[in-house]
PDB file of N, CA and C in Angstrom:
ATOM      1  N   MET A   1     -28.648  21.677  31.190  1.00  0.00           N
ATOM      2  CA  MET A   1     -27.681  21.825  29.870  1.00  0.00           C
ATOM      3  C   MET A   1     -26.425  22.273  30.350  1.00  0.00           C
ATOM      4  N   THR A   2     -26.867  23.174  31.045  1.00  0.00           N
ATOM      5  CA  THR A   2     -25.267  23.918  30.795  1.00  0.00           C
ATOM      6  C   THR A   2     -24.443  23.169  31.325  1.00  0.00           C
ATOM      7  N   GLY A   3     -24.140  21.918  32.199  1.00  0.00           N
ATOM      8  CA  GLY A   3     -23.081  20.989  32.283  1.00  0.00           C
ATOM      9  C   GLY A   3     -22.590  19.980  31.449  1.00  0.00           C
ATOM     10  N   VAL A   4     -23.773  20.167  30.339  1.00  0.00           N
ATOM     11  CA  VAL A   4     -23.515  19.711  28.711  1.00  0.00           C
ATOM     12  C   VAL A   4     -22.555  20.574  27.665  1.00  0.00           C
ATOM     13  N   ALA A   5     -22.961  21.965  27.547  1.00  0.00           N
ATOM     14  CA  ALA A   5     -22.411  22.868  27.173  1.00  0.00           C
ATOM     15  C   ALA A   5     -21.224  23.066  27.747  1.00  0.00           C
ATOM     16  N   PHE A   6     -21.004  23.009  29.300  1.00  0.00           N
ATOM     17  CA  PHE A   6     -19.627  23.180  29.255  1.00  0.00           C
ATOM     18  C   PHE A   6     -18.790  21.777  29.206  1.00  0.00           C
ATOM     19  N   ALA A   7     -18.769  21.180  29.166  1.00  0.00           N
ATOM     20  CA  ALA A   7     -18.436  19.679  28.841  1.00  0.00           C
ATOM     21  C   ALA A   7     -18.175  19.579  27.265  1.00  0.00           C
ATOM     22  N   ARG A   8     -18.722  20.299  26.478  1.00  0.00           N
ATOM     23  CA  ARG A   8     -18.561  20.157  24.792  1.00  0.00           C
ATOM     24  C   ARG A   8     -17.168  21.329  24.683  1.00  0.00           C
ATOM     25  N   GLY A   9     -17.387  22.453  25.209  1.00  0.00           N
ATOM     26  CA  GLY A   9     -16.965  23.398  25.368  1.00  0.00           C
ATOM     27  C   GLY A   9     -15.269  23.029  25.868  1.00  0.00           C
ATOM     28  N   ARG A  10     -15.117  22.604  27.077  1.00  0.00           N
ATOM     29  CA  ARG A  10     -14.061  21.659  28.005  1.00  0.00           C
ATOM     30  C   ARG A  10     -13.171  20.771  26.729  1.00  0.00           C
ATOM     31  N   ASN A  11     -13.817  20.204  25.736  1.00  0.00           N
ATOM     32  CA  ASN A  11     -13.505  19.041  25.031  1.00  0.00           C
ATOM     33  C   ASN A  11     -12.878  19.928  23.948  1.00  0.00           C
ATOM     34  N   THR A  12     -13.537  21.403  23.330  1.00  0.00           N
ATOM     35  CA  THR A  12     -13.159  21.868  22.307  1.00  0.00           C
ATOM     36  C   THR A  12     -11.667  22.549  22.752  1.00  0.00           C
ATOM     37  N   CYS A  13     -11.927  22.717  23.543  1.00  0.00           N
ATOM     38  CA  CYS A  13     -10.470  23.334  24.220  1.00  0.00           C
ATOM     39  C   CYS A  13      -9.909  22.614  24.809  1.00  0.00           C
ATOM     40  N   ASP A  14     -10.081  21.464  25.388  1.00  0.00           N
ATOM     41  CA  ASP A  14      -8.579  20.268  24.980  1.00  0.00           C
ATOM     42  C   ASP A  14      -7.716  19.802  23.911  1.00  0.00           C
ATOM     43  N   LEU A  15      -9.144  19.594  22.583  1.00  0.00           N
ATOM     44  CA  LEU A  15      -8.640  19.406  21.446  1.00  0.00           C
ATOM     45  C   LEU A  15      -7.362  20.518  20.660  1.00  0.00           C
ATOM     46  N   THR A  16      -7.871  21.706  21.148  1.00  0.00           N
ATOM     47  CA  THR A  16      -7.294  23.286  20.687  1.00  0.00           C
ATOM     48  C   THR A  16      -6.053  23.116  20.895  1.00  0.00           C
ATOM     49  N   GLN A  17      -5.597  22.985  23.133  1.00  0.00           N
ATOM     50  CA  GLN A  17      -4.678  22.783  23.717  1.00  0.00           C
ATOM     51  C   GLN A  17      -3.426  21.681  22.837  1.00  0.00           C
ATOM     52  N   ARG A  18      -4.006  20.710  22.514  1.00  0.00           N
ATOM     53  CA  ARG A  18      -3.075  19.354  22.245  1.00  0.00           C
ATOM     54  C   ARG A  18      -2.618  19.497  21.346  1.00  0.00           C
ATOM     55  N   GLN A  19      -3.647  20.466  20.295  1.00  0.00           N
ATOM     56  CA  GLN A  19      -3.224  20.682  19.368  1.00  0.00           C
ATOM     57  C   GLN A  19      -1.777  21.697  18.939  1.00  0.00           C
ATOM     58  N   THR A  20      -2.118  22.896  19.824  1.00  0.00           N
ATOM     59  CA  THR A  20      -0.595  23.606  20.251  1.00  0.00           C
ATOM     60  C   THR A  20       0.669  23.018  20.789  1.00  0.00           C
ATOM     61  N   ASN A  21       0.134  21.843  21.888  1.00  0.00           N
ATOM     62  CA  ASN A  21       1.144  21.372  22.005  1.00  0.00           C
ATOM     63  C   ASN A  21       2.086  20.300  21.039  1.00  0.00           C
ATOM     64  N   GLU A  22       1.335  20.152  19.995  1.00  0.00           N
ATOM     65  CA  GLU A  22       2.357  19.195  18.875  1.00  0.00           C
ATOM     66  C   GLU A  22       2.497  20.556  17.817  1.00  0.00           C
ATOM     67  N   GLU A  23       1.996  21.464  17.338  1.00  0.00           N
ATOM     68  CA  GLU A  23       2.764  22.035  17.014  1.00  0.00           C
ATOM     69  C   GLU A  23       4.108  22.741  17.590  1.00  0.00           C
ATOM     70  N   GLN A  24       3.809  22.915  18.973  1.00  0.00           N
ATOM     71  CA  GLN A  24       5.476  23.337  20.172  1.00  0.00           C
ATOM     72  C   GLN A  24       6.239  22.238  19.785  1.00  0.00           C
ATOM     73  N   ARG A  25       5.769  21.254  19.847  1.00  0.00           N
ATOM     74  CA  ARG A  25       6.651  19.579  19.852  1.00  0.00           C
ATOM     75  C   ARG A  25       7.410  19.600  18.649  1.00  0.00           C
ATOM     76  N   VAL A  26       7.060  20.061  17.379  1.00  0.00           N
ATOM     77  CA  VAL A  26       7.653  19.865  16.527  1.00  0.00           C
ATOM     78  C   VAL A  26       8.097  20.936  16.241  1.00  0.00           C
ATOM     79  N   ASP A  27       8.015  22.670  16.652  1.00  0.00           N
ATOM     80  CA  ASP A  27       8.668  23.856  16.367  1.00  0.00           C
ATOM     81  C   ASP A  27      10.446  23.172  17.485  1.00  0.00           C
ATOM     82  N   GLN A  28       9.898  22.643  18.702  1.00  0.00           N
ATOM     83  CA  GLN A  28      11.138  22.490  19.669  1.00  0.00           C
ATOM     84  C   GLN A  28      12.125  20.848  18.757  1.00  0.00           C
ATOM     85  N   GLY A  29      10.978  20.515  17.920  1.00  0.00           N
ATOM     86  CA  GLY A  29      12.195  19.785  17.126  1.00  0.00           C
ATOM     87  C   GLY A  29      13.102  20.339  16.415  1.00  0.00           C
ATOM     88  N   ILE A  30      12.503  20.968  15.083  1.00  0.00           N
ATOM     89  CA  ILE A  30      13.240  21.937  14.565  1.00  0.00           C
ATOM     90  C   ILE A  30      14.254  22.955  15.480  1.00  0.00           C
ATOM     91  N   ALA A  31      14.361  23.230  15.973  1.00  0.00           N
ATOM     92  CA  ALA A  31      14.982  23.846  16.869  1.00  0.00           C
ATOM     93  C   ALA A  31      16.607  22.983  17.248  1.00  0.00           C
ATOM     94  N   SER A  32      15.880  21.485  18.113  1.00  0.00           N
ATOM     95  CA  SER A  32      17.144  21.060  18.671  1.00  0.00           C
ATOM     96  C   SER A  32      17.469  19.899  17.329  1.00  0.00           C
ATOM     97  N   GLY A  33      17.179  20.213  16.215  1.00  0.00           N
ATOM     98  CA  GLY A  33      18.012  19.612  14.985  1.00  0.00           C
ATOM     99  C   GLY A  33      17.440  17.923  15.039  1.00  0.00           C
ATOM    100  N   GLN A  34      16.219  18.058  15.439  1.00  0.00           N
ATOM    101  CA  GLN A  34      16.124  16.331  15.657  1.00  0.00           C
ATOM    102  C   GLN A  34      14.982  15.741  14.582  1.00  0.00           C
ATOM    103  N   LEU A  35      14.734  17.409  14.045  1.00  0.00           N
ATOM    104  CA  LEU A  35      13.662  17.205  12.838  1.00  0.00           C
ATOM    105  C   LEU A  35      14.507  17.979  12.014  1.00  0.00           C
ATOM    106  N   ASN A  36      14.665  16.916  10.232  1.00  0.00           N
ATOM    107  CA  ASN A  36      15.138  18.060   9.040  1.00  0.00           C
ATOM    108  C   ASN A  36      13.880  18.704   8.851  1.00  0.00           C
ATOM    109  N   GLU A  37      14.154  19.346   7.600  1.00  0.00           N
ATOM    110  CA  GLU A  37      13.263  20.375   7.142  1.00  0.00           C
ATOM    111  C   GLU A  37      12.650  18.918   6.406  1.00  0.00           C
ATOM    112  N   ARG A  38      12.390  18.382   5.588  1.00  0.00           N
ATOM    113  CA  ARG A  38      11.790  17.676   4.882  1.00  0.00           C
ATOM    114  C   ARG A  38      10.067  16.912   6.080  1.00  0.00           C
ATOM    115  N   GLU A  39      10.911  16.322   7.215  1.00  0.00           N
ATOM    116  CA  GLU A  39      10.293  16.249   8.332  1.00  0.00           C
ATOM    117  C   GLU A  39       9.427  16.978   8.827  1.00  0.00           C
ATOM    118  N   ALA A  40       9.800  18.016   9.097  1.00  0.00           N
ATOM    119  CA  ALA A  40       9.259  19.160   9.712  1.00  0.00           C
ATOM    120  C   ALA A  40       7.400  19.208   8.654  1.00  0.00           C
ATOM    121  N   ASP A  41       8.208  19.233   7.404  1.00  0.00           N
ATOM    122  CA  ASP A  41       7.254  20.326   6.389  1.00  0.00           C
ATOM    123  C   ASP A  41       5.981  19.279   6.212  1.00  0.00           C
ATOM    124  N   ARG A  42       6.298  17.856   6.440  1.00  0.00           N
ATOM    125  CA  ARG A  42       5.386  16.920   6.443  1.00  0.00           C
ATOM    126  C   ARG A  42       4.649  16.659   7.994  1.00  0.00           C
ATOM    127  N   LEU A  43       5.427  16.936   8.807  1.00  0.00           N
ATOM    128  CA  LEU A  43       4.309  17.278  10.231  1.00  0.00           C
ATOM    129  C   LEU A  43       4.147  18.260  10.418  1.00  0.00           C
ATOM    130  N   ASN A  44       4.285  19.458   9.904  1.00  0.00           N
ATOM    131  CA  ASN A  44       3.327  20.896   9.451  1.00  0.00           C
ATOM    132  C   ASN A  44       2.490  20.563   8.672  1.00  0.00           C
ATOM    133  N   LYS A  45       2.096  19.814   8.023  1.00  0.00           N
ATOM    134  CA  LYS A  45       1.339  19.512   6.599  1.00  0.00           C
ATOM    135  C   LYS A  45       0.102  19.343   7.909  1.00  0.00           C
ATOM    136  N   GLN A  46       0.183  17.482   8.041  1.00  0.00           N
ATOM    137  CA  GLN A  46      -0.156  16.964   9.194  1.00  0.00           C
ATOM    138  C   GLN A  46      -1.272  17.938  10.113  1.00  0.00           C
ATOM    139  N   GLN A  47      -0.586  18.544  10.693  1.00  0.00           N
ATOM    140  CA  GLN A  47      -0.801  19.507  11.639  1.00  0.00           C
ATOM    141  C   GLN A  47      -2.198  20.597  10.778  1.00  0.00           C
ATOM    142  N   GLY A  48      -1.992  20.743  10.153  1.00  0.00           N
ATOM    143  CA  GLY A  48      -2.470  21.845   9.011  1.00  0.00           C
ATOM    144  C   GLY A  48      -4.449  21.026   8.661  1.00  0.00           C
ATOM    145  N   HIS A  49      -3.819  20.284   8.549  1.00  0.00           N
ATOM    146  CA  HIS A  49      -4.705  19.202   7.970  1.00  0.00           C
ATOM    147  C   HIS A  49      -6.184  19.076   9.054  1.00  0.00           C
ATOM    148  N   ILE A  50      -5.477  18.398  10.496  1.00  0.00           N
ATOM    149  CA  ILE A  50      -6.246  18.394  11.846  1.00  0.00           C
ATOM    150  C   ILE A  50      -6.520  20.026  11.702  1.00  0.00           C
ATOM    151  N   ASN A  51      -5.712  21.211  11.899  1.00  0.00           N
ATOM    152  CA  ASN A  51      -6.789  22.299  12.040  1.00  0.00           C
ATOM    153  C   ASN A  51      -7.771  22.398  11.317  1.00  0.00           C
ATOM    154  N   LYS A  52      -8.067  22.033  10.138  1.00  0.00           N
ATOM    155  CA  LYS A  52      -8.907  22.076   8.730  1.00  0.00           C
ATOM    156  C   LYS A  52      -9.961  21.134   9.476  1.00  0.00           C
ATOM    157  N   MET A  53      -9.696  20.049   9.585  1.00  0.00           N
ATOM    158  CA  MET A  53     -10.834  19.287  10.454  1.00  0.00           C
ATOM    159  C   MET A  53     -11.497  19.789  11.524  1.00  0.00           C
ATOM    160  N   GLU A  54     -10.658  20.506  12.227  1.00  0.00           N
ATOM    161  CA  GLU A  54     -11.453  21.122  13.634  1.00  0.00           C
ATOM    162  C   GLU A  54     -12.149  22.542  13.454  1.00  0.00           C
ATOM    163  N   ASP A  55     -11.866  23.100  12.354  1.00  0.00           N
ATOM    164  CA  ASP A  55     -12.625  24.305  11.789  1.00  0.00           C
ATOM    165  C   ASP A  55     -13.598  23.979  11.455  1.00  0.00           C
ATOM    166  N   LYS A  56     -13.165  22.672  10.132  1.00  0.00           N
ATOM    167  CA  LYS A  56     -15.014  22.318   9.685  1.00  0.00           C
ATOM    168  C   LYS A  56     -16.120  22.041  10.732  1.00  0.00           C
ATOM    169  N   ALA A  57     -15.076  20.696  11.927  1.00  0.00           N
ATOM    170  CA  ALA A  57     -16.552  20.617  12.826  1.00  0.00           C
ATOM    171  C   ALA A  57     -16.659  22.015  13.633  1.00  0.00           C
ATOM    172  N   LYS A  58     -16.289  23.184  13.670  1.00  0.00           N
ATOM    173  CA  LYS A  58     -16.725  24.067  14.844  1.00  0.00           C
ATOM    174  C   LYS A  58     -17.861  24.943  13.934  1.00  0.00           C
ATOM    175  N   SER A  59     -17.667  24.522  12.604  1.00  0.00           N
ATOM    176  CA  SER A  59     -18.108  25.846  11.931  1.00  0.00           C
ATOM    177  C   SER A  59     -20.002  25.535  11.995  1.00  0.00           C
ATOM    178  N   ALA A  60     -20.343  24.349  12.052  1.00  0.00           N
ATOM    179  CA  ALA A  60     -21.333  23.744  12.600  1.00  0.00           C
ATOM    180  C   ALA A  60     -21.803  24.719  13.784  1.00  0.00           C
ATOM    181  N   GLY A  61     -20.904  24.869  14.729  1.00  0.00           N
ATOM    182  CA  GLY A  61     -21.580  25.629  15.960  1.00  0.00           C
ATOM    183  C   GLY A  61     -21.316  24.747  17.005  1.00  0.00           C
ATOM    184  N   ILE A  62     -21.676  23.295  16.767  1.00  0.00           N
ATOM    185  CA  ILE A  62     -21.412  22.491  17.896  1.00  0.00           C
ATOM    186  C   ILE A  62     -20.933  21.431  17.213  1.00  0.00           C
ATOM    187  N   MET A  63     -19.758  20.636  17.816  1.00  0.00           N
ATOM    188  CA  MET A  63     -18.520  19.821  17.723  1.00  0.00           C
ATOM    189  C   MET A  63     -19.534  18.488  17.892  1.00  0.00           C
ATOM    190  N   THR A  64     -20.012  17.402  17.071  1.00  0.00           N
ATOM    191  CA  THR A  64     -20.125  16.305  17.351  1.00  0.00           C
ATOM    192  C   THR A  64     -19.271  15.536  18.818  1.00  0.00           C
ATOM    193  N   LYS A  65     -19.974  14.582  18.967  1.00  0.00           N
ATOM    194  CA  LYS A  65     -18.645  13.031  19.709  1.00  0.00           C
ATOM    195  C   LYS A  65     -18.043  12.690  19.014  1.00  0.00           C
ATOM    196  N   LYS A  66     -18.158  12.360  17.691  1.00  0.00           N
ATOM    197  CA  LYS A  66     -18.086  11.601  16.338  1.00  0.00           C
ATOM    198  C   LYS A  66     -16.686  12.180  15.558  1.00  0.00           C
ATOM    199  N   GLU A  67     -17.012  13.597  15.692  1.00  0.00           N
ATOM    200  CA  GLU A  67     -16.003  14.867  15.136  1.00  0.00           C
ATOM    201  C   GLU A  67     -15.097  14.713  15.961  1.00  0.00           C
ATOM    202  N   ARG A  68     -15.283  15.115  16.975  1.00  0.00           N
ATOM    203  CA  ARG A  68     -14.282  15.219  18.050  1.00  0.00           C
ATOM    204  C   ARG A  68     -13.142  13.594  18.087  1.00  0.00           C
ATOM    205  N   ALA A  69     -13.932  12.521  17.916  1.00  0.00           N
ATOM    206  CA  ALA A  69     -13.513  11.427  18.067  1.00  0.00           C
ATOM    207  C   ALA A  69     -12.199  11.421  16.936  1.00  0.00           C
ATOM    208  N   ARG A  70     -13.179  11.565  15.691  1.00  0.00           N
ATOM    209  CA  ARG A  70     -12.026  11.819  14.264  1.00  0.00           C
ATOM    210  C   ARG A  70     -10.702  12.561  14.564  1.00  0.00           C
ATOM    211  N   ILE A  71     -10.727  13.727  15.321  1.00  0.00           N
ATOM    212  CA  ILE A  71      -9.769  14.552  15.226  1.00  0.00           C
ATOM    213  C   ILE A  71      -9.335  14.076  16.021  1.00  0.00           C
ATOM    214  N   ALA A  72      -9.421  13.606  17.816  1.00  0.00           N
ATOM    215  CA  ALA A  72      -8.776  13.078  18.655  1.00  0.00           C
ATOM    216  C   ALA A  72      -7.620  11.637  18.029  1.00  0.00           C
ATOM    217  N   ALA A  73      -8.140  10.818  16.964  1.00  0.00           N
ATOM    218  CA  ALA A  73      -7.493  10.023  16.299  1.00  0.00           C
ATOM    219  C   ALA A  73      -6.726  10.256  15.706  1.00  0.00           C
ATOM    220  N   ALA A  74      -6.856  11.548  15.000  1.00  0.00           N
ATOM    221  CA  ALA A  74      -5.547  12.072  14.037  1.00  0.00           C
ATOM    222  C   ALA A  74      -4.927  12.543  14.714  1.00  0.00           C
ATOM    223  N   GLN A  75      -5.070  13.911  16.075  1.00  0.00           N
ATOM    224  CA  GLN A  75      -3.825  14.045  16.853  1.00  0.00           C
ATOM    225  C   GLN A  75      -3.166  12.633  17.149  1.00  0.00           C
ATOM    226  N   ASP A  76      -4.143  11.499  17.488  1.00  0.00           N
ATOM    227  CA  ASP A  76      -2.921  10.361  18.033  1.00  0.00           C
ATOM    228  C   ASP A  76      -1.894  10.359  17.468  1.00  0.00           C
ATOM    229  N   ARG A  77      -2.229  10.023  16.242  1.00  0.00           N
ATOM    230  CA  ARG A  77      -1.641   9.713  14.754  1.00  0.00           C
ATOM    231  C   ARG A  77      -0.273  10.293  14.454  1.00  0.00           C
ATOM    232  N   ALA A  78      -0.584  11.783  14.633  1.00  0.00           N
ATOM    233  CA  ALA A  78       0.110  12.757  14.616  1.00  0.00           C
ATOM    234  C   ALA A  78       1.127  13.019  15.627  1.00  0.00           C
ATOM    235  N   ALA A  79       0.653  12.786  16.781  1.00  0.00           N
ATOM    236  CA  ALA A  79       1.581  12.865  18.091  1.00  0.00           C
ATOM    237  C   ALA A  79       2.827  11.694  18.089  1.00  0.00           C
ATOM    238  N   ARG A  80       1.863  10.636  17.341  1.00  0.00           N
ATOM    239  CA  ARG A  80       2.886   8.903  17.164  1.00  0.00           C
ATOM    240  C   ARG A  80       4.482   9.227  15.951  1.00  0.00           C
ATOM    241  N   HIS A  81       3.690   9.941  14.779  1.00  0.00           N
ATOM    242  CA  HIS A  81       4.299  10.357  13.864  1.00  0.00           C
ATOM    243  C   HIS A  81       5.536  11.563  14.031  1.00  0.00           C
ATOM    244  N   ILE A  82       4.854  12.341  15.613  1.00  0.00           N
ATOM    245  CA  ILE A  82       6.272  13.231  15.877  1.00  0.00           C
ATOM    246  C   ILE A  82       7.332  12.470  16.460  1.00  0.00           C
ATOM    247  N   ALA A  83       6.504  12.187  17.540  1.00  0.00           N
ATOM    248  CA  ALA A  83       7.982  11.141  18.096  1.00  0.00           C
ATOM    249  C   ALA A  83       8.527  10.173  17.317  1.00  0.00           C
ATOM    250  N   ARG A  84       8.237   9.444  16.470  1.00  0.00           N
ATOM    251  CA  ARG A  84       8.971   8.818  15.778  1.00  0.00           C
ATOM    252  C   ARG A  84      10.206   9.375  15.116  1.00  0.00           C
ATOM    253  N   GLU A  85       9.744  10.621  14.618  1.00  0.00           N
ATOM    254  CA  GLU A  85      10.808  11.163  13.533  1.00  0.00           C
ATOM    255  C   GLU A  85      11.460  12.448  14.346  1.00  0.00           C
ATOM    256  N   LYS A  86      11.392  12.408  15.728  1.00  0.00           N
ATOM    257  CA  LYS A  86      12.181  13.072  16.916  1.00  0.00           C
ATOM    258  C   LYS A  86      13.289  12.295  17.510  1.00  0.00           C
ATOM    259  N   HIS A  87      12.345  10.822  17.120  1.00  0.00           N
ATOM    260  CA  HIS A  87      13.309   9.922  17.808  1.00  0.00           C
ATOM    261  C   HIS A  87      14.145   9.093  16.657  1.00  0.00           C
ATOM    262  N   ASP A  88      14.595   9.413  15.517  1.00  0.00           N
ATOM    263  CA  ASP A  88      14.824   8.632  14.757  1.00  0.00           C
ATOM    264  C   ASP A  88      16.562   8.626  14.862  1.00  0.00           C
ATOM    265  N   ARG A  89      17.308   7.302  14.114  1.00  0.00           N
ATOM    266  CA  ARG A  89      18.601   8.153  14.293  1.00  0.00           C
ATOM    267  C   ARG A  89      19.291   9.231  13.066  1.00  0.00           C
ATOM    268  N   GLN A  90      18.379   9.454  12.313  1.00  0.00           N
ATOM    269  CA  GLN A  90      19.176  10.341  11.736  1.00  0.00           C
ATOM    270  C   GLN A  90      19.084  11.702  11.991  1.00  0.00           C
ATOM    271  N   GLY A  91      20.508  12.533  11.370  1.00  0.00           N
ATOM    272  CA  GLY A  91      21.425  13.420  12.152  1.00  0.00           C
ATOM    273  C   GLY A  91      22.503  13.190  13.154  1.00  0.00           C
ATOM    274  N   LYS A  92      22.453  11.860  13.582  1.00  0.00           N
ATOM    275  CA  LYS A  92      23.268  11.259  15.087  1.00  0.00           C
ATOM    276  C   LYS A  92      24.215  10.320  14.517  1.00  0.00           C
ATOM    277  N   ARG A  93      24.321  10.327  12.932  1.00  0.00           N
ATOM    278  CA  ARG A  93      25.614   9.437  12.108  1.00  0.00           C
ATOM    279  C   ARG A  93      26.584  10.162  12.370  1.00  0.00           C
ATOM    280  N   ARG A  94      27.430   9.761  12.768  1.00  0.00           N
ATOM    281  CA  ARG A  94      28.830  10.318  12.683  1.00  0.00           C
ATOM    282  C   ARG A  94      29.460   9.724  11.265  1.00  0.00           C
ATOM    283  N   ARG A  95      30.166  11.001  10.731  1.00  0.00           N
ATOM    284  CA  ARG A  95      31.079  10.472   9.515  1.00  0.00           C
ATOM    285  C   ARG A  95      32.538   9.983   9.792  1.00  0.00           C
TER     286      ARG A  95
END
């Protein structure tokens, strides 16, 4: 049973670490000018939604596989949105 508890704890830590990484990517995009204020607000709102999903899943004490999968899918979408916004041509136009 300890192995199962360890695996669950590790997966939760992985989700939390991934969330932290995505938030850092948004912060870095703001600092580098790759993200404007509107993009950053939208991405931060999405990260906040994922944080709420994670908090709600943890509130029951044990995060189910289904909850972890939903959060991971949301993180995948958020990562794609961050990459798309950071690499768009906005801000790189010349006058």
